[in-house]
Amino acid sequence: MSVNYTLQKKRNPQKKSDPGKWYAVFKSDEPIKGKTMTRMATEGGTMEDYELQAAGHVIAKWVYNQTIQGNRAHIDGLGTFRITFGSEGVENVKDFHTGLIRNIKLSFIPDPDLRADILRDVKFVNAGIVDGDTYYGSLENYYKVTGQTGSTGGTTEPGGEDQEEDPLA
């Protein structure tokens, strides 16, 4: 399992005269949707793709109903959904009203085993450089265009796969 990232230069807003530093930024593709996802997930199993799609709709409806009632919606092996929010404070309890509630979110807490498995197996792959409005597909291209030099040799990550060395990180 690999996670793509791009390198982007960011400046510290408090130190605008500093040149900035390179940071890894998550890069994702469009999510796999609908029938493609259900076909992939059910491939080689006994469940049909339409059954998984129907189960997904039932689970989504159940999560909706549970969370709007103020309950946590726990799904074994996946995790727990819950509503979180903040509010403005008042000095006198009589002054509180629901209009002071803000920043309402639907939070998801993954199942501990699922989380541990993902974090154990994830590998990071450099998917390019973003410098201003320009995207470079690789460190090599970035070096070539900008006239910089750098090592693009491979390093071995845990799990044995060669990864492109990232001299800017």
Protein backbone atom coordinates (compact mmCIF):
# COMPACT_ATOMS: atom_id res chain seq x y z
CA MET A 1 0.00 0.00 0.00
CA SER A 2 1.53 3.32 -0.97
CA VAL A 3 0.55 6.90 -0.25
CA ASN A 4 1.58 9.57 -2.73
CA TYR A 5 2.83 12.95 -1.68
CA THR A 6 4.19 16.01 -3.42
CA LEU A 7 6.78 18.38 -2.03
CA GLN A 8 5.62 21.97 -1.71
CA LYS A 9 7.50 25.00 -0.50
CA LYS A 10 5.70 26.89 2.25
CA ARG A 11 6.65 30.08 4.04
CA ASN A 12 6.19 30.83 7.70
CA PRO A 13 3.53 33.58 7.86
CA GLN A 14 5.32 35.13 10.87
CA LYS A 15 8.66 35.20 9.01
CA LYS A 16 7.77 36.38 5.51
CA SER A 17 11.38 37.22 4.66
CA ASP A 18 12.48 33.60 5.17
CA PRO A 19 12.72 31.58 1.94
CA GLY A 20 10.41 28.83 3.18
CA LYS A 21 10.85 25.10 3.64
CA TRP A 22 9.82 22.05 1.64
CA TYR A 23 7.02 19.96 3.14
CA ALA A 24 5.40 16.69 2.12
CA VAL A 25 1.73 17.23 1.20
CA PHE A 26 -0.74 14.39 0.77
CA LYS A 27 -1.66 13.80 -2.88
CA SER A 28 -4.70 11.70 -3.60
CA ASP A 29 -6.43 10.59 -6.73
CA GLU A 30 -10.17 10.76 -7.17
CA PRO A 31 -11.86 8.15 -4.95
CA ILE A 32 -13.07 4.96 -6.56
CA LYS A 33 -16.84 5.17 -6.63
CA GLY A 34 -19.96 3.09 -6.96
CA LYS A 35 -19.91 -0.10 -8.95
CA THR A 36 -16.14 -0.03 -9.48
CA MET A 37 -15.52 -0.01 -5.72
CA THR A 38 -18.06 -2.75 -5.03
CA ARG A 39 -16.69 -4.93 -7.85
CA MET A 40 -13.14 -4.55 -6.55
CA ALA A 41 -14.15 -5.23 -2.93
CA THR A 42 -16.18 -8.34 -3.75
CA GLU A 43 -13.79 -9.84 -6.31
CA GLY A 44 -12.97 -13.43 -5.46
CA GLY A 45 -15.59 -13.61 -2.70
CA THR A 46 -19.10 -14.94 -2.39
CA MET A 47 -20.81 -11.56 -2.03
CA GLU A 48 -22.14 -9.87 -5.17
CA ASP A 49 -21.21 -6.25 -5.85
CA TYR A 50 -24.84 -5.10 -5.64
CA GLU A 51 -25.14 -6.71 -2.19
CA LEU A 52 -22.15 -4.71 -0.92
CA GLN A 53 -23.58 -1.53 -2.45
CA ALA A 54 -26.92 -2.18 -0.73
CA ALA A 55 -25.14 -2.90 2.57
CA GLY A 56 -23.26 0.39 2.23
CA HIS A 57 -26.55 2.27 1.85
CA VAL A 58 -28.00 0.51 4.90
CA ILE A 59 -24.91 1.34 6.97
CA ALA A 60 -24.97 4.98 5.85
CA LYS A 61 -28.64 5.27 6.83
CA TRP A 62 -27.91 3.68 10.21
CA VAL A 63 -24.94 6.03 10.84
CA TYR A 64 -27.15 9.00 9.94
CA ASN A 65 -29.97 7.93 12.26
CA GLN A 66 -27.64 7.18 15.16
CA THR A 67 -25.60 10.37 14.94
CA ILE A 68 -28.52 12.78 14.58
CA GLN A 69 -29.98 11.21 17.73
CA GLY A 70 -26.75 12.03 19.56
CA ASN A 71 -25.43 8.47 19.62
CA ARG A 72 -22.11 7.13 18.45
CA ALA A 73 -22.40 4.77 15.49
CA HIS A 74 -19.89 1.92 15.88
CA ILE A 75 -19.22 -0.49 13.01
CA ASP A 76 -17.14 -3.54 14.02
CA GLY A 77 -13.84 -3.69 12.17
CA LEU A 78 -14.26 -0.19 10.71
CA GLY A 79 -14.68 2.32 13.52
CA THR A 80 -16.99 4.83 15.15
CA PHE A 81 -18.76 7.90 13.79
CA ARG A 82 -19.85 10.71 16.12
CA ILE A 83 -20.82 14.37 16.03
CA THR A 84 -18.42 16.86 17.60
CA PHE A 85 -18.80 20.61 18.07
CA GLY A 86 -17.65 23.61 20.02
CA SER A 87 -19.50 26.58 21.40
CA GLU A 88 -18.99 30.12 22.52
CA GLY A 89 -18.97 30.53 26.28
CA VAL A 90 -21.31 32.69 28.31
CA GLU A 91 -20.84 34.06 31.80
CA ASN A 92 -24.43 33.40 32.85
CA VAL A 93 -26.10 30.05 32.08
CA LYS A 94 -29.35 31.94 31.27
CA ASP A 95 -27.58 33.56 28.31
CA PHE A 96 -26.77 30.28 26.53
CA HIS A 97 -28.68 29.36 23.37
CA THR A 98 -28.03 26.84 20.59
CA GLY A 99 -26.96 29.62 18.22
CA LEU A 100 -23.68 29.66 20.17
CA ILE A 101 -22.88 26.12 19.02
CA ARG A 102 -20.38 26.19 16.15
CA ASN A 103 -17.87 24.13 14.23
CA ILE A 104 -20.14 21.09 13.93
CA LYS A 105 -18.34 18.09 12.44
CA LEU A 106 -18.88 14.43 11.80
CA SER A 107 -15.84 12.68 13.25
CA PHE A 108 -14.62 9.19 12.52
CA ILE A 109 -12.41 7.17 14.86
CA PRO A 110 -11.01 4.11 13.10
CA ASP A 111 -11.07 0.68 14.69
CA PRO A 112 -7.74 0.24 16.56
CA ASP A 113 -6.81 -2.93 14.64
CA LEU A 114 -7.63 -1.36 11.26
CA ARG A 115 -5.64 1.75 12.17
CA ALA A 116 -2.65 -0.30 13.33
CA ASP A 117 -2.69 -2.45 10.17
CA ILE A 118 -2.80 0.59 7.88
CA LEU A 119 -0.07 2.48 9.75
CA ARG A 120 2.13 -0.63 9.82
CA ASP A 121 1.84 -1.27 6.07
CA VAL A 122 1.77 2.24 4.59
CA LYS A 123 4.67 3.30 2.34
CA PHE A 124 5.26 6.82 1.05
CA VAL A 125 6.08 7.58 -2.58
CA ASN A 126 7.16 10.96 -3.92
CA ALA A 127 4.68 11.90 -6.64
CA GLY A 128 6.46 15.08 -7.68
CA ILE A 129 7.25 18.65 -6.72
CA VAL A 130 4.89 21.63 -6.66
CA ASP A 131 6.82 24.90 -6.84
CA GLY A 132 4.46 27.86 -7.00
CA ASP A 133 1.99 27.05 -9.77
CA THR A 134 4.29 24.56 -11.49
CA TYR A 135 4.06 20.80 -11.02
CA TYR A 136 7.13 18.65 -11.70
CA GLY A 137 6.39 14.92 -11.98
CA SER A 138 9.65 13.87 -10.30
CA LEU A 139 12.66 15.18 -8.42
CA GLU A 140 14.75 14.47 -11.51
CA ASN A 141 12.53 16.74 -13.65
CA TYR A 142 12.60 19.44 -11.00
CA TYR A 143 16.40 19.35 -10.87
CA LYS A 144 16.65 19.37 -14.66
CA VAL A 145 14.34 22.37 -15.13
CA THR A 146 15.63 24.42 -12.20
CA GLY A 147 19.30 23.63 -12.85
CA GLN A 148 19.74 22.18 -9.37
CA THR A 149 21.58 18.99 -8.62
CA GLY A 150 20.61 16.32 -6.16
CA SER A 151 20.78 12.64 -5.50
CA THR A 152 17.88 10.60 -6.85
CA GLY A 153 19.22 7.24 -5.69
CA GLY A 154 16.91 4.76 -4.03
CA THR A 155 16.63 3.96 -0.35
CA THR A 156 15.00 0.89 1.08
CA GLU A 157 11.99 1.50 3.27
CA PRO A 158 10.77 -0.98 5.86
CA GLY A 159 8.97 -3.61 3.85
CA GLY A 160 11.80 -3.92 1.32
CA GLU A 161 10.57 -1.68 -1.51
CA ASP A 162 12.95 0.84 -3.05
CA GLN A 163 11.70 4.38 -2.65
CA GLU A 164 12.99 7.48 -4.36
CA GLU A 165 15.37 9.29 -2.00
CA ASP A 166 14.03 12.69 -1.00
CA PRO A 167 16.97 15.07 -0.45
CA LEU A 168 14.61 18.00 0.09
CA ALA A 169 12.82 16.42 3.06
